[in-house]
């Protein structure tokens, strides 16, 4: 009987190990890798020069089987949040009714918040992961990109290349974003030009949402 219990335990461990590997399989290049809710925080001068940053939360990632929320989905309950560094905006000559700004190269981080407390009025709450205080679970680099606006909508598409990541535990399961999106992803951000209330340092705040697509890792590019 004892031997049978040992064999059963070994099979269960083997099965759980297989499931963990299955959950960590990388998302194919160009496939949707996440959905997210975002806000763009902007300060634009009279000459069109400005600064901005983005913050928000992720609603789902293929391969993560556990809920990404501690309760009803919202910025207050999201376990995975993100924030960019400060982006410099340089005006480009408008194209008819389309206004254009070059967005500087920089960094983008994802955080795991074991006790979520996101607050749109304070972007700092999206970059204070409790599991690793002040440290992200994934760090990305981006190149210069283009931000463009019409009367009703604004768009920003940018590739974030994964530079470093660390494992995190969610509902007893261990995940690492390098196993799911080893090359990083391209963000497709859409904003409403109907602004919400501004915050300290950023009088213009645009609400938005979007998705991301996985990009090939360096190893895949070399095959």
C-alpha atoms as a PDB file:
ATOM      1  CA  UNK A   1       0.000   0.000   0.000  1.00  0.00           C
ATOM      2  CA  UNK A   2       2.816   2.402   0.938  1.00  0.00           C
ATOM      3  CA  UNK A   3       4.514   1.679  -2.397  1.00  0.00           C
ATOM      4  CA  UNK A   4       1.265   2.433  -4.230  1.00  0.00           C
ATOM      5  CA  UNK A   5       0.974   5.784  -2.451  1.00  0.00           C
ATOM      6  CA  UNK A   6       4.554   6.634  -3.423  1.00  0.00           C
ATOM      7  CA  UNK A   7       3.864   5.734  -7.063  1.00  0.00           C
ATOM      8  CA  UNK A   8       0.669   7.812  -7.083  1.00  0.00           C
ATOM      9  CA  UNK A   9       2.517  10.780  -5.542  1.00  0.00           C
ATOM     10  CA  UNK A  10       5.241  10.458  -8.166  1.00  0.00           C
ATOM     11  CA  UNK A  11       2.677  10.406 -10.990  1.00  0.00           C
ATOM     12  CA  UNK A  12       0.903  13.450  -9.577  1.00  0.00           C
ATOM     13  CA  UNK A  13       4.215  15.310  -9.295  1.00  0.00           C
ATOM     14  CA  UNK A  14       5.071  14.336 -12.868  1.00  0.00           C
ATOM     15  CA  UNK A  15       1.673  15.509 -14.112  1.00  0.00           C
ATOM     16  CA  UNK A  16       1.912  18.808 -12.236  1.00  0.00           C
ATOM     17  CA  UNK A  17       5.388  19.347 -13.628  1.00  0.00           C
ATOM     18  CA  UNK A  18       4.083  18.723 -17.149  1.00  0.00           C
ATOM     19  CA  UNK A  19       1.252  21.176 -16.599  1.00  0.00           C
ATOM     20  CA  UNK A  20       3.672  23.826 -15.355  1.00  0.00           C
ATOM     21  CA  UNK A  21       5.751  23.397 -18.501  1.00  0.00           C
ATOM     22  CA  UNK A  22       2.628  23.518 -20.665  1.00  0.00           C
ATOM     23  CA  UNK A  23       1.537  26.786 -19.032  1.00  0.00           C
ATOM     24  CA  UNK A  24       4.960  28.306 -19.714  1.00  0.00           C
ATOM     25  CA  UNK A  25       5.082  27.599 -23.436  1.00  0.00           C
ATOM     26  CA  UNK A  26       6.036  30.741 -25.412  1.00  0.00           C
ATOM     27  CA  UNK A  27       3.308  32.524 -27.333  1.00  0.00           C
ATOM     28  CA  UNK A  28       3.902  32.319 -31.105  1.00  0.00           C
ATOM     29  CA  UNK A  29       5.319  35.420 -32.735  1.00  0.00           C
ATOM     30  CA  UNK A  30       2.574  37.875 -33.848  1.00  0.00           C
ATOM     31  CA  UNK A  31      -0.087  36.133 -31.735  1.00  0.00           C
ATOM     32  CA  UNK A  32      -1.987  38.178 -29.148  1.00  0.00           C
ATOM     33  CA  UNK A  33       0.027  38.031 -25.921  1.00  0.00           C
ATOM     34  CA  UNK A  34      -2.011  40.252 -23.610  1.00  0.00           C
ATOM     35  CA  UNK A  35      -4.864  42.700 -23.205  1.00  0.00           C
ATOM     36  CA  UNK A  36      -4.562  45.756 -21.011  1.00  0.00           C
ATOM     37  CA  UNK A  37      -6.210  48.919 -19.697  1.00  0.00           C
ATOM     38  CA  UNK A  38      -4.087  52.071 -19.797  1.00  0.00           C
ATOM     39  CA  UNK A  39      -3.902  55.782 -19.158  1.00  0.00           C
ATOM     40  CA  UNK A  40      -1.581  58.237 -20.840  1.00  0.00           C
ATOM     41  CA  UNK A  41      -0.362  61.064 -18.589  1.00  0.00           C
ATOM     42  CA  UNK A  42       0.728  64.097 -20.606  1.00  0.00           C
ATOM     43  CA  UNK A  43       2.061  67.608 -20.159  1.00  0.00           C
ATOM     44  CA  UNK A  44       2.332  69.581 -23.417  1.00  0.00           C
ATOM     45  CA  UNK A  45       3.826  73.075 -23.690  1.00  0.00           C
ATOM     46  CA  UNK A  46       2.642  75.895 -25.949  1.00  0.00           C
ATOM     47  CA  UNK A  47       5.397  75.011 -28.433  1.00  0.00           C
ATOM     48  CA  UNK A  48       4.158  71.423 -28.683  1.00  0.00           C
ATOM     49  CA  UNK A  49       7.100  69.987 -26.730  1.00  0.00           C
ATOM     50  CA  UNK A  50       6.022  67.758 -23.890  1.00  0.00           C
ATOM     51  CA  UNK A  51       6.544  64.811 -21.600  1.00  0.00           C
ATOM     52  CA  UNK A  52       4.383  61.797 -20.872  1.00  0.00           C
ATOM     53  CA  UNK A  53       4.252  58.431 -19.209  1.00  0.00           C
ATOM     54  CA  UNK A  54       1.826  55.528 -19.311  1.00  0.00           C
ATOM     55  CA  UNK A  55       0.528  53.299 -16.530  1.00  0.00           C
ATOM     56  CA  UNK A  56      -2.088  50.598 -16.343  1.00  0.00           C
ATOM     57  CA  UNK A  57      -2.895  46.947 -15.738  1.00  0.00           C
ATOM     58  CA  UNK A  58      -3.031  43.679 -17.650  1.00  0.00           C
ATOM     59  CA  UNK A  59      -6.360  41.849 -17.884  1.00  0.00           C
ATOM     60  CA  UNK A  60      -5.121  38.541 -19.310  1.00  0.00           C
ATOM     61  CA  UNK A  61      -2.087  36.732 -20.729  1.00  0.00           C
ATOM     62  CA  UNK A  62      -2.367  33.394 -22.566  1.00  0.00           C
ATOM     63  CA  UNK A  63      -0.520  30.762 -20.550  1.00  0.00           C
ATOM     64  CA  UNK A  64      -1.389  32.271 -17.169  1.00  0.00           C
ATOM     65  CA  UNK A  65      -4.334  30.166 -16.057  1.00  0.00           C
ATOM     66  CA  UNK A  66      -5.013  31.968 -12.773  1.00  0.00           C
ATOM     67  CA  UNK A  67      -7.102  35.118 -12.439  1.00  0.00           C
ATOM     68  CA  UNK A  68      -5.082  38.317 -12.704  1.00  0.00           C
ATOM     69  CA  UNK A  69      -7.405  40.066 -10.235  1.00  0.00           C
ATOM     70  CA  UNK A  70      -8.030  39.963  -6.513  1.00  0.00           C
ATOM     71  CA  UNK A  71     -11.800  40.364  -6.889  1.00  0.00           C
ATOM     72  CA  UNK A  72     -13.869  42.150  -9.550  1.00  0.00           C
ATOM     73  CA  UNK A  73     -11.568  43.271 -12.390  1.00  0.00           C
ATOM     74  CA  UNK A  74     -10.395  46.885 -12.040  1.00  0.00           C
ATOM     75  CA  UNK A  75      -7.263  48.947 -11.529  1.00  0.00           C
ATOM     76  CA  UNK A  76      -7.731  48.477  -7.758  1.00  0.00           C
ATOM     77  CA  UNK A  77      -7.565  44.655  -7.915  1.00  0.00           C
ATOM     78  CA  UNK A  78      -5.062  43.952 -10.713  1.00  0.00           C
ATOM     79  CA  UNK A  79      -2.081  41.782  -9.767  1.00  0.00           C
ATOM     80  CA  UNK A  80      -0.077  42.725 -12.882  1.00  0.00           C
ATOM     81  CA  UNK A  81       0.489  46.424 -13.474  1.00  0.00           C
ATOM     82  CA  UNK A  82       2.897  48.393 -15.649  1.00  0.00           C
ATOM     83  CA  UNK A  83       4.480  51.797 -16.049  1.00  0.00           C
ATOM     84  CA  UNK A  84       6.825  53.472 -18.502  1.00  0.00           C
ATOM     85  CA  UNK A  85       9.646  55.844 -17.737  1.00  0.00           C
ATOM     86  CA  UNK A  86       9.246  59.524 -18.626  1.00  0.00           C
ATOM     87  CA  UNK A  87       8.787  59.937 -22.386  1.00  0.00           C
ATOM     88  CA  UNK A  88       9.872  63.078 -24.232  1.00  0.00           C
ATOM     89  CA  UNK A  89       7.413  64.189 -26.917  1.00  0.00           C
ATOM     90  CA  UNK A  90       8.685  66.157 -29.912  1.00  0.00           C
ATOM     91  CA  UNK A  91       6.130  67.633 -32.339  1.00  0.00           C
ATOM     92  CA  UNK A  92       6.049  66.549 -35.979  1.00  0.00           C
ATOM     93  CA  UNK A  93       4.314  68.660 -38.638  1.00  0.00           C
ATOM     94  CA  UNK A  94       0.591  67.712 -38.601  1.00  0.00           C
ATOM     95  CA  UNK A  95      -0.899  65.766 -41.479  1.00  0.00           C
ATOM     96  CA  UNK A  96      -4.267  67.408 -42.016  1.00  0.00           C
ATOM     97  CA  UNK A  97      -6.327  66.763 -38.866  1.00  0.00           C
ATOM     98  CA  UNK A  98      -3.804  64.221 -37.572  1.00  0.00           C
ATOM     99  CA  UNK A  99      -1.445  65.652 -34.930  1.00  0.00           C
ATOM    100  CA  UNK A 100       1.874  63.858 -34.522  1.00  0.00           C
ATOM    101  CA  UNK A 101       4.505  63.566 -31.784  1.00  0.00           C
ATOM    102  CA  UNK A 102       7.736  61.589 -31.739  1.00  0.00           C
ATOM    103  CA  UNK A 103       8.055  59.582 -28.518  1.00  0.00           C
ATOM    104  CA  UNK A 104      11.576  59.048 -27.184  1.00  0.00           C
ATOM    105  CA  UNK A 105      13.251  55.691 -26.626  1.00  0.00           C
ATOM    106  CA  UNK A 106      13.269  54.383 -23.063  1.00  0.00           C
ATOM    107  CA  UNK A 107      12.059  51.675 -20.711  1.00  0.00           C
ATOM    108  CA  UNK A 108       8.865  49.905 -19.654  1.00  0.00           C
ATOM    109  CA  UNK A 109       8.301  47.703 -16.585  1.00  0.00           C
ATOM    110  CA  UNK A 110       5.696  45.168 -15.447  1.00  0.00           C
ATOM    111  CA  UNK A 111       5.094  44.671 -11.710  1.00  0.00           C
ATOM    112  CA  UNK A 112       3.433  41.967  -9.629  1.00  0.00           C
ATOM    113  CA  UNK A 113       1.278  43.398  -6.843  1.00  0.00           C
ATOM    114  CA  UNK A 114       0.388  40.718  -4.289  1.00  0.00           C
ATOM    115  CA  UNK A 115      -1.894  43.246  -2.544  1.00  0.00           C
ATOM    116  CA  UNK A 116      -3.263  45.343  -5.433  1.00  0.00           C
ATOM    117  CA  UNK A 117      -3.959  49.025  -4.817  1.00  0.00           C
ATOM    118  CA  UNK A 118      -3.898  50.703  -8.228  1.00  0.00           C
ATOM    119  CA  UNK A 119      -5.257  54.263  -8.292  1.00  0.00           C
ATOM    120  CA  UNK A 120      -5.505  56.218 -11.553  1.00  0.00           C
ATOM    121  CA  UNK A 121      -4.937  59.437  -9.596  1.00  0.00           C
ATOM    122  CA  UNK A 122      -1.478  58.220  -8.551  1.00  0.00           C
ATOM    123  CA  UNK A 123       0.659  56.559 -11.258  1.00  0.00           C
ATOM    124  CA  UNK A 124       3.118  55.468  -8.551  1.00  0.00           C
ATOM    125  CA  UNK A 125       0.616  52.819  -7.414  1.00  0.00           C
ATOM    126  CA  UNK A 126       1.206  50.948 -10.683  1.00  0.00           C
ATOM    127  CA  UNK A 127       4.937  50.547 -10.019  1.00  0.00           C
ATOM    128  CA  UNK A 128       5.123  49.526  -6.357  1.00  0.00           C
ATOM    129  CA  UNK A 129       4.992  45.720  -6.585  1.00  0.00           C
ATOM    130  CA  UNK A 130       4.831  44.266  -3.086  1.00  0.00           C
ATOM    131  CA  UNK A 131       6.490  40.948  -3.964  1.00  0.00           C
ATOM    132  CA  UNK A 132       9.685  42.771  -4.989  1.00  0.00           C
ATOM    133  CA  UNK A 133       9.329  46.319  -3.583  1.00  0.00           C
ATOM    134  CA  UNK A 134      10.273  48.838  -6.245  1.00  0.00           C
ATOM    135  CA  UNK A 135      11.505  46.083  -8.589  1.00  0.00           C
ATOM    136  CA  UNK A 136       9.680  44.865 -11.705  1.00  0.00           C
ATOM    137  CA  UNK A 137       9.069  41.249 -12.669  1.00  0.00           C
ATOM    138  CA  UNK A 138       9.900  42.203 -16.274  1.00  0.00           C
ATOM    139  CA  UNK A 139      12.013  45.014 -17.710  1.00  0.00           C
ATOM    140  CA  UNK A 140      11.747  46.113 -21.352  1.00  0.00           C
ATOM    141  CA  UNK A 141      13.516  48.532 -23.703  1.00  0.00           C
ATOM    142  CA  UNK A 142      11.857  50.461 -26.519  1.00  0.00           C
ATOM    143  CA  UNK A 143      13.023  52.507 -29.484  1.00  0.00           C
ATOM    144  CA  UNK A 144      11.726  55.870 -30.685  1.00  0.00           C
ATOM    145  CA  UNK A 145       8.121  55.718 -31.880  1.00  0.00           C
ATOM    146  CA  UNK A 146       5.215  57.856 -33.086  1.00  0.00           C
ATOM    147  CA  UNK A 147       2.190  59.077 -31.125  1.00  0.00           C
ATOM    148  CA  UNK A 148      -0.690  60.370 -33.267  1.00  0.00           C
ATOM    149  CA  UNK A 149      -4.063  61.976 -32.550  1.00  0.00           C
ATOM    150  CA  UNK A 150      -7.275  62.810 -34.370  1.00  0.00           C
ATOM    151  CA  UNK A 151     -10.255  64.700 -32.985  1.00  0.00           C
ATOM    152  CA  UNK A 152     -11.578  61.601 -31.225  1.00  0.00           C
ATOM    153  CA  UNK A 153      -8.812  59.040 -30.811  1.00  0.00           C
ATOM    154  CA  UNK A 154      -5.074  58.772 -30.224  1.00  0.00           C
ATOM    155  CA  UNK A 155      -2.814  55.824 -31.105  1.00  0.00           C
ATOM    156  CA  UNK A 156       0.625  54.645 -30.096  1.00  0.00           C
ATOM    157  CA  UNK A 157       2.215  51.404 -31.307  1.00  0.00           C
ATOM    158  CA  UNK A 158       5.620  50.429 -29.941  1.00  0.00           C
ATOM    159  CA  UNK A 159       7.706  47.274 -29.536  1.00  0.00           C
ATOM    160  CA  UNK A 160       9.023  46.548 -26.033  1.00  0.00           C
ATOM    161  CA  UNK A 161      12.024  44.178 -26.074  1.00  0.00           C
ATOM    162  CA  UNK A 162      12.380  41.988 -22.975  1.00  0.00           C
ATOM    163  CA  UNK A 163      15.711  42.628 -21.242  1.00  0.00           C
ATOM    164  CA  UNK A 164      15.229  40.848 -17.902  1.00  0.00           C
ATOM    165  CA  UNK A 165      12.557  39.057 -15.877  1.00  0.00           C
ATOM    166  CA  UNK A 166      12.095  37.204 -12.602  1.00  0.00           C
ATOM    167  CA  UNK A 167       9.608  34.513 -11.515  1.00  0.00           C
ATOM    168  CA  UNK A 168       6.533  35.354  -9.453  1.00  0.00           C
ATOM    169  CA  UNK A 169       3.969  33.194  -7.668  1.00  0.00           C
ATOM    170  CA  UNK A 170       0.256  33.627  -8.378  1.00  0.00           C
ATOM    171  CA  UNK A 171      -2.312  31.376  -6.650  1.00  0.00           C
ATOM    172  CA  UNK A 172       0.397  28.833  -5.884  1.00  0.00           C
ATOM    173  CA  UNK A 173       1.709  28.684  -9.459  1.00  0.00           C
ATOM    174  CA  UNK A 174       5.090  30.054 -10.508  1.00  0.00           C
ATOM    175  CA  UNK A 175       5.287  32.068 -13.718  1.00  0.00           C
ATOM    176  CA  UNK A 176       8.062  33.904 -15.547  1.00  0.00           C
ATOM    177  CA  UNK A 177       7.248  36.188 -18.458  1.00  0.00           C
ATOM    178  CA  UNK A 178      10.429  35.186 -20.292  1.00  0.00           C
ATOM    179  CA  UNK A 179       8.880  31.721 -20.679  1.00  0.00           C
ATOM    180  CA  UNK A 180       5.691  33.169 -22.177  1.00  0.00           C
ATOM    181  CA  UNK A 181       6.958  36.058 -24.296  1.00  0.00           C
ATOM    182  CA  UNK A 182      10.761  35.632 -24.477  1.00  0.00           C
ATOM    183  CA  UNK A 183      11.264  38.332 -27.094  1.00  0.00           C
ATOM    184  CA  UNK A 184       8.866  40.854 -25.574  1.00  0.00           C
ATOM    185  CA  UNK A 185       5.822  42.282 -27.345  1.00  0.00           C
ATOM    186  CA  UNK A 186       4.437  45.084 -29.471  1.00  0.00           C
ATOM    187  CA  UNK A 187       1.905  47.268 -27.666  1.00  0.00           C
ATOM    188  CA  UNK A 188      -1.084  48.578 -29.621  1.00  0.00           C
ATOM    189  CA  UNK A 189      -2.488  51.414 -27.523  1.00  0.00           C
ATOM    190  CA  UNK A 190      -5.737  53.264 -28.316  1.00  0.00           C
ATOM    191  CA  UNK A 191      -6.815  56.311 -26.314  1.00  0.00           C
ATOM    192  CA  UNK A 192      -9.901  58.487 -26.185  1.00  0.00           C
ATOM    193  CA  UNK A 193      -9.204  62.178 -26.708  1.00  0.00           C
ATOM    194  CA  UNK A 194     -11.886  62.911 -24.127  1.00  0.00           C
ATOM    195  CA  UNK A 195      -9.588  63.505 -21.185  1.00  0.00           C
ATOM    196  CA  UNK A 196     -10.309  62.576 -17.575  1.00  0.00           C
ATOM    197  CA  UNK A 197      -9.186  64.590 -14.538  1.00  0.00           C
ATOM    198  CA  UNK A 198      -5.507  65.505 -14.532  1.00  0.00           C
ATOM    199  CA  UNK A 199      -3.000  64.590 -11.806  1.00  0.00           C
ATOM    200  CA  UNK A 200      -0.006  66.335 -10.294  1.00  0.00           C
ATOM    201  CA  UNK A 201       2.503  67.067 -13.060  1.00  0.00           C
ATOM    202  CA  UNK A 202       0.212  65.855 -15.839  1.00  0.00           C
ATOM    203  CA  UNK A 203      -2.775  68.112 -16.592  1.00  0.00           C
ATOM    204  CA  UNK A 204      -3.870  65.899 -19.507  1.00  0.00           C
ATOM    205  CA  UNK A 205      -4.839  62.279 -18.827  1.00  0.00           C
ATOM    206  CA  UNK A 206      -6.221  60.117 -21.638  1.00  0.00           C
ATOM    207  CA  UNK A 207      -8.011  56.818 -20.853  1.00  0.00           C
ATOM    208  CA  UNK A 208      -7.389  53.872 -23.137  1.00  0.00           C
ATOM    209  CA  UNK A 209      -7.049  50.147 -23.704  1.00  0.00           C
ATOM    210  CA  UNK A 210      -5.348  47.784 -26.111  1.00  0.00           C
ATOM    211  CA  UNK A 211      -3.606  44.520 -26.764  1.00  0.00           C
ATOM    212  CA  UNK A 212      -0.091  43.310 -27.409  1.00  0.00           C
ATOM    213  CA  UNK A 213       1.425  40.837 -29.853  1.00  0.00           C
ATOM    214  CA  UNK A 214       4.397  38.622 -29.089  1.00  0.00           C
ATOM    215  CA  UNK A 215       7.613  39.276 -31.002  1.00  0.00           C
ATOM    216  CA  UNK A 216      10.293  36.770 -31.898  1.00  0.00           C
ATOM    217  CA  UNK A 217      13.193  36.397 -29.483  1.00  0.00           C
ATOM    218  CA  UNK A 218      16.763  36.865 -30.635  1.00  0.00           C
ATOM    219  CA  UNK A 219      17.200  33.093 -30.737  1.00  0.00           C
ATOM    220  CA  UNK A 220      14.170  32.714 -33.026  1.00  0.00           C
ATOM    221  CA  UNK A 221      15.466  35.469 -35.321  1.00  0.00           C
ATOM    222  CA  UNK A 222      18.740  33.576 -35.713  1.00  0.00           C
ATOM    223  CA  UNK A 223      17.124  30.297 -36.758  1.00  0.00           C
END
